[in-house]
Amino acid sequence: MLDFCQCTRILPARHRRRDRSNRNIMQKYEKLEKIGEGTYGTVFKAKNLETQEIVALKRVRLDDDDEGVPSSALREICLLKELKHKNIVRLYDVLHSDKKLTLVFEHCDQDLKKYFDSLYGEIDPDVVKSFLFQLLRGLAFCHSRNVLHRDLKPQNLLINKNDELKLADFGLARAFGIPVKCYSAEVVTLWYRPPDVLFGAKLYTTSIDMWSAGCIFAELSNSGRPLFPGSDGDDQLKRIFKMLGTPTEETWPDISTLPDYRAFPQYHLTPGLTQACPKLTARGKDLLQRLLVCNPALRLSAEEAMAHSYFNDLDPAIRNDRCQ
């Protein structure tokens, strides 16, 4: 398990000693354009003048009265230094100077949200399958190393020119262990938030990411149309229960003991999940139904999802990629 307390103690001091050298290192990067705002700062497209490689610079301005590095940025640094995988965005370097922290990442051409916005038609079913498998493979790697992402959404999935999908923005991620500790319920963008978190659960596992993956799978199959675009927590739960059915103590034991539990009507399925994603094959719909389960204990794991028959005809080059 990654020791965030240790990172907090060591990282700022180490970087302070390197201020002058890091200012010199920064000169080798030429900023080309601003490309977005992350969890904790501004993101620029830049060029490494020594190698001519295009990179992404995430810049964070540090508070004068703070020890240095914001906790969200610190989490990303610690996690990404450990998570080296083809389906996780690569962190090349960490620079600190003049009240600024700069993370140097590999550059990807766009995120999944921009990919959706650029579409003029439907996404090819083979592309849907490829993107989902790569998402699950990245998650399986994270989960095998005791890391939850906790903020999966199209904006945090990057796609490069080779159609390789990479998990990014681990600002909300944290390591987990046994016993599971009390986590904040304020995680996961609303549309991708599972019912257990919406009901205030603070004890959760990898299942939180699997719900989000299911929502993204549905969105992929519908060429970018969100499955549950709720306006607030109650509206989000209502949309979920109208599509999946309202859970009961029989289908989800101890649901009524969750901190923010409130009763909802027993909705009729209008429409059901399979009708909401008509372009999916029967196997695709079965996989989706096994990911989007209200009871978190019944959701598939990433490894289980990768073994589903939906992927039987996946391009072998993608399935057998060693992800070095």
C-alpha atoms as a PDB file:
ATOM      1  CA  MET A   1       0.000   0.000   0.000  1.00  0.00           C
ATOM      2  CA  LEU A   2       1.321   3.462  -0.852  1.00  0.00           C
ATOM      3  CA  ASP A   3       2.182   5.600   2.176  1.00  0.00           C
ATOM      4  CA  PHE A   4       0.677   9.041   1.526  1.00  0.00           C
ATOM      5  CA  CYS A   5       1.858  10.374   4.891  1.00  0.00           C
ATOM      6  CA  GLN A   6       5.418   9.516   3.945  1.00  0.00           C
ATOM      7  CA  CYS A   7       4.975  11.256   0.595  1.00  0.00           C
ATOM      8  CA  THR A   8       3.631  14.341   2.365  1.00  0.00           C
ATOM      9  CA  ARG A   9       6.639  14.543   4.651  1.00  0.00           C
ATOM     10  CA  ILE A  10       9.330  13.896   2.084  1.00  0.00           C
ATOM     11  CA  LEU A  11       8.250  15.262  -1.290  1.00  0.00           C
ATOM     12  CA  PRO A  12       8.043  19.032  -0.604  1.00  0.00           C
ATOM     13  CA  ALA A  13      11.400  19.158   1.189  1.00  0.00           C
ATOM     14  CA  ARG A  14      13.123  17.189  -1.524  1.00  0.00           C
ATOM     15  CA  HIS A  15      11.720  19.493  -4.174  1.00  0.00           C
ATOM     16  CA  ARG A  16      12.701  22.636  -2.287  1.00  0.00           C
ATOM     17  CA  ARG A  17      16.330  21.547  -2.443  1.00  0.00           C
ATOM     18  CA  ARG A  18      16.005  21.269  -6.206  1.00  0.00           C
ATOM     19  CA  ASP A  19      14.412  24.654  -6.918  1.00  0.00           C
ATOM     20  CA  ARG A  20      17.364  26.118  -8.798  1.00  0.00           C
ATOM     21  CA  SER A  21      18.118  23.036 -10.873  1.00  0.00           C
ATOM     22  CA  ASN A  22      14.440  22.595 -11.691  1.00  0.00           C
ATOM     23  CA  ARG A  23      14.234  26.164 -13.009  1.00  0.00           C
ATOM     24  CA  ASN A  24      16.990  25.239 -15.432  1.00  0.00           C
ATOM     25  CA  ILE A  25      15.246  22.010 -16.384  1.00  0.00           C
ATOM     26  CA  MET A  26      12.022  23.900 -17.107  1.00  0.00           C
ATOM     27  CA  GLN A  27      13.846  25.861 -19.798  1.00  0.00           C
ATOM     28  CA  LYS A  28      14.003  22.737 -21.936  1.00  0.00           C
ATOM     29  CA  TYR A  29      10.207  22.785 -22.283  1.00  0.00           C
ATOM     30  CA  GLU A  30       8.506  25.175 -24.697  1.00  0.00           C
ATOM     31  CA  LYS A  31       4.836  25.755 -23.913  1.00  0.00           C
ATOM     32  CA  LEU A  32       2.747  25.540 -27.086  1.00  0.00           C
ATOM     33  CA  GLU A  33      -0.840  26.061 -25.918  1.00  0.00           C
ATOM     34  CA  LYS A  34      -3.192  25.735 -22.983  1.00  0.00           C
ATOM     35  CA  ILE A  35      -5.241  22.568 -23.356  1.00  0.00           C
ATOM     36  CA  GLY A  36      -7.334  22.432 -20.202  1.00  0.00           C
ATOM     37  CA  GLU A  37      -7.877  22.645 -16.474  1.00  0.00           C
ATOM     38  CA  GLY A  38      -7.236  19.619 -14.263  1.00  0.00           C
ATOM     39  CA  THR A  39      -8.284  18.782 -10.727  1.00  0.00           C
ATOM     40  CA  TYR A  40      -5.749  21.171  -9.286  1.00  0.00           C
ATOM     41  CA  GLY A  41      -4.226  23.295 -12.022  1.00  0.00           C
ATOM     42  CA  THR A  42      -3.690  24.278 -15.637  1.00  0.00           C
ATOM     43  CA  VAL A  43      -2.592  21.879 -18.360  1.00  0.00           C
ATOM     44  CA  PHE A  44      -0.354  22.958 -21.264  1.00  0.00           C
ATOM     45  CA  LYS A  45       0.807  21.217 -24.392  1.00  0.00           C
ATOM     46  CA  ALA A  46       4.579  21.621 -24.608  1.00  0.00           C
ATOM     47  CA  LYS A  47       7.648  20.445 -26.466  1.00  0.00           C
ATOM     48  CA  ASN A  48      10.806  18.987 -24.977  1.00  0.00           C
ATOM     49  CA  LEU A  49      13.401  21.031 -26.861  1.00  0.00           C
ATOM     50  CA  GLU A  50      16.070  18.376 -26.335  1.00  0.00           C
ATOM     51  CA  THR A  51      14.119  15.401 -27.655  1.00  0.00           C
ATOM     52  CA  GLN A  52      11.409  17.223 -29.680  1.00  0.00           C
ATOM     53  CA  GLU A  53       8.853  15.070 -27.860  1.00  0.00           C
ATOM     54  CA  ILE A  54       5.411  16.575 -27.220  1.00  0.00           C
ATOM     55  CA  VAL A  55       4.411  16.408 -23.542  1.00  0.00           C
ATOM     56  CA  ALA A  56       1.671  17.708 -21.257  1.00  0.00           C
ATOM     57  CA  LEU A  57       2.607  20.044 -18.397  1.00  0.00           C
ATOM     58  CA  LYS A  58       0.251  20.167 -15.410  1.00  0.00           C
ATOM     59  CA  ARG A  59       1.100  23.286 -13.445  1.00  0.00           C
ATOM     60  CA  VAL A  60      -0.009  23.912  -9.875  1.00  0.00           C
ATOM     61  CA  ARG A  61       0.519  27.219  -8.050  1.00  0.00           C
ATOM     62  CA  LEU A  62       1.298  26.553  -4.409  1.00  0.00           C
ATOM     63  CA  ASP A  63      -0.181  28.563  -1.536  1.00  0.00           C
ATOM     64  CA  ASP A  64       2.183  30.874   0.343  1.00  0.00           C
ATOM     65  CA  ASP A  65       0.966  29.617   3.709  1.00  0.00           C
ATOM     66  CA  ASP A  66       1.064  25.965   2.743  1.00  0.00           C
ATOM     67  CA  GLU A  67       3.807  23.407   3.260  1.00  0.00           C
ATOM     68  CA  GLY A  68       3.914  23.118  -0.480  1.00  0.00           C
ATOM     69  CA  VAL A  69       2.150  20.488  -2.501  1.00  0.00           C
ATOM     70  CA  PRO A  70      -1.688  20.243  -2.513  1.00  0.00           C
ATOM     71  CA  SER A  71      -2.892  16.867  -1.278  1.00  0.00           C
ATOM     72  CA  SER A  72      -4.679  16.100  -4.558  1.00  0.00           C
ATOM     73  CA  ALA A  73      -1.513  16.710  -6.575  1.00  0.00           C
ATOM     74  CA  LEU A  74       0.526  14.761  -4.056  1.00  0.00           C
ATOM     75  CA  ARG A  75      -1.775  11.759  -4.445  1.00  0.00           C
ATOM     76  CA  GLU A  76      -1.332  11.820  -8.216  1.00  0.00           C
ATOM     77  CA  ILE A  77       2.444  12.048  -7.913  1.00  0.00           C
ATOM     78  CA  CYS A  78       2.698   9.134  -5.508  1.00  0.00           C
ATOM     79  CA  LEU A  79       0.298   6.951  -7.457  1.00  0.00           C
ATOM     80  CA  LEU A  80       1.618   7.553 -10.947  1.00  0.00           C
ATOM     81  CA  LYS A  81       5.207   6.981  -9.877  1.00  0.00           C
ATOM     82  CA  GLU A  82       4.081   3.465  -8.944  1.00  0.00           C
ATOM     83  CA  LEU A  83       1.558   2.776 -11.721  1.00  0.00           C
ATOM     84  CA  LYS A  84       3.529   2.081 -14.889  1.00  0.00           C
ATOM     85  CA  HIS A  85       1.227   0.557 -17.478  1.00  0.00           C
ATOM     86  CA  LYS A  86       0.304   1.179 -21.107  1.00  0.00           C
ATOM     87  CA  ASN A  87      -3.284   2.069 -20.163  1.00  0.00           C
ATOM     88  CA  ILE A  88      -2.273   4.606 -17.501  1.00  0.00           C
ATOM     89  CA  VAL A  89      -0.899   8.002 -18.459  1.00  0.00           C
ATOM     90  CA  ARG A  90       2.881   8.125 -17.913  1.00  0.00           C
ATOM     91  CA  LEU A  91       4.398  10.645 -15.500  1.00  0.00           C
ATOM     92  CA  TYR A  92       7.860  11.570 -16.784  1.00  0.00           C
ATOM     93  CA  ASP A  93       9.060  14.147 -14.292  1.00  0.00           C
ATOM     94  CA  VAL A  94       8.143  16.308 -11.282  1.00  0.00           C
ATOM     95  CA  LEU A  95       9.542  19.846 -11.054  1.00  0.00           C
ATOM     96  CA  HIS A  96       9.199  22.376  -8.236  1.00  0.00           C
ATOM     97  CA  SER A  97      10.240  26.041  -8.237  1.00  0.00           C
ATOM     98  CA  ASP A  98       8.940  29.560  -7.509  1.00  0.00           C
ATOM     99  CA  LYS A  99       5.782  28.379  -5.758  1.00  0.00           C
ATOM    100  CA  LYS A 100       4.929  26.207  -8.755  1.00  0.00           C
ATOM    101  CA  LEU A 101       4.713  22.468  -9.042  1.00  0.00           C
ATOM    102  CA  THR A 102       4.881  21.067 -12.572  1.00  0.00           C
ATOM    103  CA  LEU A 103       4.106  17.489 -13.520  1.00  0.00           C
ATOM    104  CA  VAL A 104       5.431  16.388 -16.915  1.00  0.00           C
ATOM    105  CA  PHE A 105       3.159  13.772 -18.506  1.00  0.00           C
ATOM    106  CA  GLU A 106       3.069  11.972 -21.806  1.00  0.00           C
ATOM    107  CA  HIS A 107       0.819  13.851 -24.206  1.00  0.00           C
ATOM    108  CA  CYS A 108      -2.336  12.341 -25.665  1.00  0.00           C
ATOM    109  CA  ASP A 109      -4.267  13.915 -28.514  1.00  0.00           C
ATOM    110  CA  GLN A 110      -7.643  14.100 -26.790  1.00  0.00           C
ATOM    111  CA  ASP A 111      -9.795  12.805 -23.980  1.00  0.00           C
ATOM    112  CA  LEU A 112     -12.845  10.614 -24.476  1.00  0.00           C
ATOM    113  CA  LYS A 113     -15.223  13.551 -24.018  1.00  0.00           C
ATOM    114  CA  LYS A 114     -13.572  15.437 -26.896  1.00  0.00           C
ATOM    115  CA  TYR A 115     -13.604  12.223 -28.903  1.00  0.00           C
ATOM    116  CA  PHE A 116     -17.376  12.035 -28.394  1.00  0.00           C
ATOM    117  CA  ASP A 117     -17.813  15.713 -29.285  1.00  0.00           C
ATOM    118  CA  SER A 118     -15.919  15.240 -32.569  1.00  0.00           C
ATOM    119  CA  LEU A 119     -18.086  12.358 -33.767  1.00  0.00           C
ATOM    120  CA  TYR A 120     -20.184  12.722 -36.904  1.00  0.00           C
ATOM    121  CA  GLY A 121     -21.815   9.313 -36.590  1.00  0.00           C
ATOM    122  CA  GLU A 122     -21.773   6.218 -34.450  1.00  0.00           C
ATOM    123  CA  ILE A 123     -18.694   4.643 -32.890  1.00  0.00           C
ATOM    124  CA  ASP A 124     -17.629   1.434 -34.581  1.00  0.00           C
ATOM    125  CA  PRO A 125     -18.559  -1.521 -32.312  1.00  0.00           C
ATOM    126  CA  ASP A 126     -14.977  -2.812 -32.493  1.00  0.00           C
ATOM    127  CA  VAL A 127     -13.716   0.553 -31.214  1.00  0.00           C
ATOM    128  CA  VAL A 128     -16.234   0.438 -28.351  1.00  0.00           C
ATOM    129  CA  LYS A 129     -14.942  -3.021 -27.454  1.00  0.00           C
ATOM    130  CA  SER A 130     -11.305  -1.957 -27.691  1.00  0.00           C
ATOM    131  CA  PHE A 131     -11.754   1.163 -25.551  1.00  0.00           C
ATOM    132  CA  LEU A 132     -13.713  -0.735 -22.891  1.00  0.00           C
ATOM    133  CA  PHE A 133     -11.149  -3.544 -22.725  1.00  0.00           C
ATOM    134  CA  GLN A 134      -8.311  -1.043 -22.347  1.00  0.00           C
ATOM    135  CA  LEU A 135     -10.238   0.784 -19.611  1.00  0.00           C
ATOM    136  CA  LEU A 136     -10.809  -2.489 -17.756  1.00  0.00           C
ATOM    137  CA  ARG A 137      -7.179  -3.520 -18.202  1.00  0.00           C
ATOM    138  CA  GLY A 138      -5.964  -0.252 -16.717  1.00  0.00           C
ATOM    139  CA  LEU A 139      -8.401  -0.641 -13.816  1.00  0.00           C
ATOM    140  CA  ALA A 140      -7.361  -4.246 -13.218  1.00  0.00           C
ATOM    141  CA  PHE A 141      -3.751  -3.091 -12.942  1.00  0.00           C
ATOM    142  CA  CYS A 142      -4.696  -0.318 -10.487  1.00  0.00           C
ATOM    143  CA  HIS A 143      -6.865  -2.598  -8.385  1.00  0.00           C
ATOM    144  CA  SER A 144      -4.186  -5.300  -8.254  1.00  0.00           C
ATOM    145  CA  ARG A 145      -1.942  -2.673  -6.668  1.00  0.00           C
ATOM    146  CA  ASN A 146      -4.550  -1.553  -4.152  1.00  0.00           C
ATOM    147  CA  VAL A 147      -5.468   1.690  -5.888  1.00  0.00           C
ATOM    148  CA  LEU A 148      -8.959   3.019  -6.541  1.00  0.00           C
ATOM    149  CA  HIS A 149      -9.281   5.685  -9.226  1.00  0.00           C
ATOM    150  CA  ARG A 150     -12.519   7.152  -7.784  1.00  0.00           C
ATOM    151  CA  ASP A 151     -13.106   9.744 -10.509  1.00  0.00           C
ATOM    152  CA  LEU A 152     -13.627   7.857 -13.754  1.00  0.00           C
ATOM    153  CA  LYS A 153     -15.389   9.871 -16.461  1.00  0.00           C
ATOM    154  CA  PRO A 154     -14.775  10.539 -20.169  1.00  0.00           C
ATOM    155  CA  GLN A 155     -12.719  13.657 -19.389  1.00  0.00           C
ATOM    156  CA  ASN A 156     -10.259  11.508 -17.406  1.00  0.00           C
ATOM    157  CA  LEU A 157      -9.709   8.935 -20.139  1.00  0.00           C
ATOM    158  CA  LEU A 158      -7.090  10.012 -22.675  1.00  0.00           C
ATOM    159  CA  ILE A 159      -6.755   8.695 -26.218  1.00  0.00           C
ATOM    160  CA  ASN A 160      -3.626   8.965 -28.333  1.00  0.00           C
ATOM    161  CA  LYS A 161      -3.201   8.863 -32.099  1.00  0.00           C
ATOM    162  CA  ASN A 162      -2.934   5.048 -32.004  1.00  0.00           C
ATOM    163  CA  ASP A 163      -6.339   4.729 -30.304  1.00  0.00           C
ATOM    164  CA  GLU A 164      -4.687   3.680 -27.063  1.00  0.00           C
ATOM    165  CA  LEU A 165      -6.823   4.603 -24.058  1.00  0.00           C
ATOM    166  CA  LYS A 166      -5.170   5.704 -20.807  1.00  0.00           C
ATOM    167  CA  LEU A 167      -6.503   6.425 -17.329  1.00  0.00           C
ATOM    168  CA  ALA A 168      -5.570   9.914 -16.172  1.00  0.00           C
ATOM    169  CA  ASP A 169      -6.136  12.498 -13.435  1.00  0.00           C
ATOM    170  CA  PHE A 170      -5.674  10.490 -10.283  1.00  0.00           C
ATOM    171  CA  GLY A 171      -6.353  13.585  -8.188  1.00  0.00           C
ATOM    172  CA  LEU A 172      -9.065  11.773  -6.236  1.00  0.00           C
ATOM    173  CA  ALA A 173      -7.413   8.366  -6.219  1.00  0.00           C
ATOM    174  CA  ARG A 174      -6.140   6.783  -3.028  1.00  0.00           C
ATOM    175  CA  ALA A 175      -4.607   3.520  -1.953  1.00  0.00           C
ATOM    176  CA  PHE A 176      -6.834   1.142  -0.051  1.00  0.00           C
ATOM    177  CA  GLY A 177      -6.121  -1.797   2.199  1.00  0.00           C
ATOM    178  CA  ILE A 178      -7.626  -4.209   4.646  1.00  0.00           C
ATOM    179  CA  PRO A 179      -9.480  -3.308   6.746  1.00  0.00           C
ATOM    180  CA  VAL A 180     -11.196  -0.830   4.449  1.00  0.00           C
ATOM    181  CA  LYS A 181     -11.076   2.612   6.016  1.00  0.00           C
ATOM    182  CA  CYS A 182     -13.686   5.350   6.146  1.00  0.00           C
ATOM    183  CA  TYR A 183     -13.450   7.211   2.870  1.00  0.00           C
ATOM    184  CA  SER A 184     -15.031  10.469   1.805  1.00  0.00           C
ATOM    185  CA  ALA A 185     -18.394  10.130   0.085  1.00  0.00           C
ATOM    186  CA  GLU A 186     -17.639  13.188  -2.074  1.00  0.00           C
ATOM    187  CA  VAL A 187     -16.062  11.239  -4.894  1.00  0.00           C
ATOM    188  CA  VAL A 188     -16.950  10.429  -8.493  1.00  0.00           C
ATOM    189  CA  THR A 189     -18.598  12.956 -10.796  1.00  0.00           C
ATOM    190  CA  LEU A 190     -22.374  12.749 -10.286  1.00  0.00           C
ATOM    191  CA  TRP A 191     -23.301  11.035 -13.573  1.00  0.00           C
ATOM    192  CA  TYR A 192     -20.829   8.202 -12.891  1.00  0.00           C
ATOM    193  CA  ARG A 193     -21.517   7.879  -9.151  1.00  0.00           C
ATOM    194  CA  PRO A 194     -22.885   4.523  -7.901  1.00  0.00           C
ATOM    195  CA  PRO A 195     -25.991   4.253  -5.705  1.00  0.00           C
ATOM    196  CA  ASP A 196     -23.978   3.198  -2.637  1.00  0.00           C
ATOM    197  CA  VAL A 197     -21.966   6.429  -2.762  1.00  0.00           C
ATOM    198  CA  LEU A 198     -25.114   8.467  -3.474  1.00  0.00           C
ATOM    199  CA  PHE A 199     -26.559   6.946  -0.291  1.00  0.00           C
ATOM    200  CA  GLY A 200     -23.509   8.137   1.652  1.00  0.00           C
ATOM    201  CA  ALA A 201     -21.507   4.908   1.873  1.00  0.00           C
ATOM    202  CA  LYS A 202     -18.006   5.542   3.174  1.00  0.00           C
ATOM    203  CA  LEU A 203     -16.855   1.927   3.104  1.00  0.00           C
ATOM    204  CA  TYR A 204     -16.327   0.870  -0.486  1.00  0.00           C
ATOM    205  CA  THR A 205     -13.966  -1.066  -2.678  1.00  0.00           C
ATOM    206  CA  THR A 206     -13.059  -1.459  -6.333  1.00  0.00           C
ATOM    207  CA  SER A 207     -16.798  -1.698  -7.077  1.00  0.00           C
ATOM    208  CA  ILE A 208     -16.964   2.116  -7.165  1.00  0.00           C
ATOM    209  CA  ASP A 209     -14.773   2.137 -10.288  1.00  0.00           C
ATOM    210  CA  MET A 210     -16.693  -0.728 -11.872  1.00  0.00           C
ATOM    211  CA  TRP A 211     -19.981   1.196 -11.742  1.00  0.00           C
ATOM    212  CA  SER A 212     -18.283   4.146 -13.434  1.00  0.00           C
ATOM    213  CA  ALA A 213     -16.834   1.804 -16.068  1.00  0.00           C
ATOM    214  CA  GLY A 214     -20.340   0.497 -16.756  1.00  0.00           C
ATOM    215  CA  CYS A 215     -21.673   4.027 -17.242  1.00  0.00           C
ATOM    216  CA  ILE A 216     -18.820   4.776 -19.650  1.00  0.00           C
ATOM    217  CA  PHE A 217     -19.477   1.506 -21.528  1.00  0.00           C
ATOM    218  CA  ALA A 218     -23.100   2.548 -22.059  1.00  0.00           C
ATOM    219  CA  GLU A 219     -21.969   6.005 -23.175  1.00  0.00           C
ATOM    220  CA  LEU A 220     -19.543   4.465 -25.669  1.00  0.00           C
ATOM    221  CA  SER A 221     -22.277   2.258 -27.107  1.00  0.00           C
ATOM    222  CA  ASN A 222     -24.538   5.288 -27.513  1.00  0.00           C
ATOM    223  CA  SER A 223     -21.842   7.407 -29.211  1.00  0.00           C
ATOM    224  CA  GLY A 224     -21.376   9.784 -26.301  1.00  0.00           C
ATOM    225  CA  ARG A 225     -24.875  10.072 -24.840  1.00  0.00           C
ATOM    226  CA  PRO A 226     -24.650   9.796 -21.016  1.00  0.00           C
ATOM    227  CA  LEU A 227     -26.754   7.062 -19.442  1.00  0.00           C
ATOM    228  CA  PHE A 228     -27.675   8.807 -16.182  1.00  0.00           C
ATOM    229  CA  PRO A 229     -27.321  12.618 -16.611  1.00  0.00           C
ATOM    230  CA  GLY A 230     -28.802  13.560 -13.233  1.00  0.00           C
ATOM    231  CA  SER A 231     -29.110  17.134 -11.967  1.00  0.00           C
ATOM    232  CA  ASP A 232     -28.608  16.307  -8.272  1.00  0.00           C
ATOM    233  CA  GLY A 233     -28.294  13.295  -5.999  1.00  0.00           C
ATOM    234  CA  ASP A 234     -32.006  12.512  -5.800  1.00  0.00           C
ATOM    235  CA  ASP A 235     -32.497  12.934  -9.540  1.00  0.00           C
ATOM    236  CA  GLN A 236     -29.486  10.702 -10.146  1.00  0.00           C
ATOM    237  CA  LEU A 237     -30.894   7.922  -7.958  1.00  0.00           C
ATOM    238  CA  LYS A 238     -34.319   8.281  -9.564  1.00  0.00           C
ATOM    239  CA  ARG A 239     -32.835   7.880 -13.056  1.00  0.00           C
ATOM    240  CA  ILE A 240     -30.872   4.812 -11.950  1.00  0.00           C
ATOM    241  CA  PHE A 241     -33.812   3.118 -10.241  1.00  0.00           C
ATOM    242  CA  LYS A 242     -36.181   3.831 -13.130  1.00  0.00           C
ATOM    243  CA  MET A 243     -33.794   1.971 -15.423  1.00  0.00           C
ATOM    244  CA  LEU A 244     -32.529  -0.793 -13.114  1.00  0.00           C
ATOM    245  CA  GLY A 245     -35.364  -1.132 -10.628  1.00  0.00           C
ATOM    246  CA  THR A 246     -35.501   0.165  -7.062  1.00  0.00           C
ATOM    247  CA  PRO A 247     -33.365  -2.033  -4.781  1.00  0.00           C
ATOM    248  CA  THR A 248     -34.826  -3.677  -1.689  1.00  0.00           C
ATOM    249  CA  GLU A 249     -33.397  -5.368   1.394  1.00  0.00           C
ATOM    250  CA  GLU A 250     -33.738  -8.632  -0.516  1.00  0.00           C
ATOM    251  CA  THR A 251     -31.691  -7.486  -3.513  1.00  0.00           C
ATOM    252  CA  TRP A 252     -29.316  -5.328  -1.469  1.00  0.00           C
ATOM    253  CA  PRO A 253     -29.047  -6.408   2.178  1.00  0.00           C
ATOM    254  CA  ASP A 254     -28.592  -3.574   4.713  1.00  0.00           C
ATOM    255  CA  ILE A 255     -29.241  -0.858   2.146  1.00  0.00           C
ATOM    256  CA  SER A 256     -31.414   0.948   4.700  1.00  0.00           C
ATOM    257  CA  THR A 257     -28.453   1.282   7.079  1.00  0.00           C
ATOM    258  CA  LEU A 258     -26.487   3.533   4.709  1.00  0.00           C
ATOM    259  CA  PRO A 259     -25.987   7.048   6.155  1.00  0.00           C
ATOM    260  CA  ASP A 260     -28.038   8.957   3.557  1.00  0.00           C
ATOM    261  CA  TYR A 261     -30.547   6.254   2.691  1.00  0.00           C
ATOM    262  CA  ARG A 262     -34.063   7.410   1.817  1.00  0.00           C
ATOM    263  CA  ALA A 263     -36.916   5.408   0.363  1.00  0.00           C
ATOM    264  CA  PHE A 264     -37.801   5.620  -3.328  1.00  0.00           C
ATOM    265  CA  PRO A 265     -40.902   4.327  -5.117  1.00  0.00           C
ATOM    266  CA  GLN A 266     -40.757   0.897  -6.719  1.00  0.00           C
ATOM    267  CA  TYR A 267     -40.286   2.148 -10.267  1.00  0.00           C
ATOM    268  CA  HIS A 268     -41.253   0.153 -13.322  1.00  0.00           C
ATOM    269  CA  LEU A 269     -38.368  -0.235 -15.738  1.00  0.00           C
ATOM    270  CA  THR A 270     -38.981   2.544 -18.278  1.00  0.00           C
ATOM    271  CA  PRO A 271     -36.908   1.871 -20.259  1.00  0.00           C
ATOM    272  CA  GLY A 272     -34.846  -1.067 -19.087  1.00  0.00           C
ATOM    273  CA  LEU A 273     -31.083  -1.048 -19.452  1.00  0.00           C
ATOM    274  CA  THR A 274     -31.070  -3.224 -22.565  1.00  0.00           C
ATOM    275  CA  GLN A 275     -33.498  -0.873 -24.322  1.00  0.00           C
ATOM    276  CA  ALA A 276     -31.355   2.121 -23.365  1.00  0.00           C
ATOM    277  CA  CYS A 277     -28.355   0.661 -25.238  1.00  0.00           C
ATOM    278  CA  PRO A 278     -29.930  -0.868 -28.355  1.00  0.00           C
ATOM    279  CA  LYS A 279     -26.718  -1.052 -30.392  1.00  0.00           C
ATOM    280  CA  LEU A 280     -25.037  -3.489 -28.010  1.00  0.00           C
ATOM    281  CA  THR A 281     -25.031  -7.182 -28.848  1.00  0.00           C
ATOM    282  CA  ALA A 282     -26.667  -9.659 -26.474  1.00  0.00           C
ATOM    283  CA  ARG A 283     -23.266 -10.355 -24.920  1.00  0.00           C
ATOM    284  CA  GLY A 284     -22.560  -6.654 -24.579  1.00  0.00           C
ATOM    285  CA  LYS A 285     -25.887  -6.092 -22.833  1.00  0.00           C
ATOM    286  CA  ASP A 286     -25.174  -8.989 -20.483  1.00  0.00           C
ATOM    287  CA  LEU A 287     -21.802  -7.506 -19.535  1.00  0.00           C
ATOM    288  CA  LEU A 288     -23.355  -4.083 -18.989  1.00  0.00           C
ATOM    289  CA  GLN A 289     -26.016  -5.567 -16.703  1.00  0.00           C
ATOM    290  CA  ARG A 290     -23.299  -7.249 -14.636  1.00  0.00           C
ATOM    291  CA  LEU A 291     -21.422  -3.970 -14.199  1.00  0.00           C
ATOM    292  CA  LEU A 292     -24.410  -1.746 -13.440  1.00  0.00           C
ATOM    293  CA  VAL A 293     -25.716  -3.566 -10.374  1.00  0.00           C
ATOM    294  CA  CYS A 294     -27.040  -1.425  -7.528  1.00  0.00           C
ATOM    295  CA  ASN A 295     -25.674  -3.798  -4.883  1.00  0.00           C
ATOM    296  CA  PRO A 296     -21.898  -3.158  -4.990  1.00  0.00           C
ATOM    297  CA  ALA A 297     -21.116  -6.679  -3.780  1.00  0.00           C
ATOM    298  CA  LEU A 298     -22.581  -8.125  -6.988  1.00  0.00           C
ATOM    299  CA  ARG A 299     -20.699  -6.017  -9.556  1.00  0.00           C
ATOM    300  CA  LEU A 300     -18.076  -7.734 -11.671  1.00  0.00           C
ATOM    301  CA  SER A 301     -14.433  -7.001 -10.966  1.00  0.00           C
ATOM    302  CA  ALA A 302     -12.231  -5.648 -13.754  1.00  0.00           C
ATOM    303  CA  GLU A 303     -10.577  -9.055 -14.216  1.00  0.00           C
ATOM    304  CA  GLU A 304     -13.963 -10.790 -14.356  1.00  0.00           C
ATOM    305  CA  ALA A 305     -15.255  -8.266 -16.881  1.00  0.00           C
ATOM    306  CA  MET A 306     -12.204  -8.773 -19.115  1.00  0.00           C
ATOM    307  CA  ALA A 307     -12.955 -12.513 -19.162  1.00  0.00           C
ATOM    308  CA  HIS A 308     -16.568 -11.979 -20.298  1.00  0.00           C
ATOM    309  CA  SER A 309     -17.640 -13.568 -23.590  1.00  0.00           C
ATOM    310  CA  TYR A 310     -18.299 -10.079 -25.024  1.00  0.00           C
ATOM    311  CA  PHE A 311     -14.555  -9.931 -25.662  1.00  0.00           C
ATOM    312  CA  ASN A 312     -14.301 -13.339 -27.368  1.00  0.00           C
ATOM    313  CA  ASP A 313     -13.797 -11.704 -30.768  1.00  0.00           C
ATOM    314  CA  LEU A 314     -11.577  -8.864 -29.544  1.00  0.00           C
ATOM    315  CA  ASP A 315      -8.606  -8.131 -31.801  1.00  0.00           C
ATOM    316  CA  PRO A 316      -5.832 -10.482 -30.531  1.00  0.00           C
ATOM    317  CA  ALA A 317      -3.297  -7.669 -30.872  1.00  0.00           C
ATOM    318  CA  ILE A 318      -5.208  -5.747 -28.199  1.00  0.00           C
ATOM    319  CA  ARG A 319      -5.924  -8.725 -25.951  1.00  0.00           C
ATOM    320  CA  ASN A 320      -2.349 -10.025 -26.041  1.00  0.00           C
ATOM    321  CA  ASP A 321      -0.629  -6.648 -25.648  1.00  0.00           C
ATOM    322  CA  ARG A 322       1.848  -7.019 -22.779  1.00  0.00           C
ATOM    323  CA  CYS A 323       1.376  -3.324 -21.883  1.00  0.00           C
ATOM    324  CA  GLN A 324       5.040  -2.670 -21.224  1.00  0.00           C
END
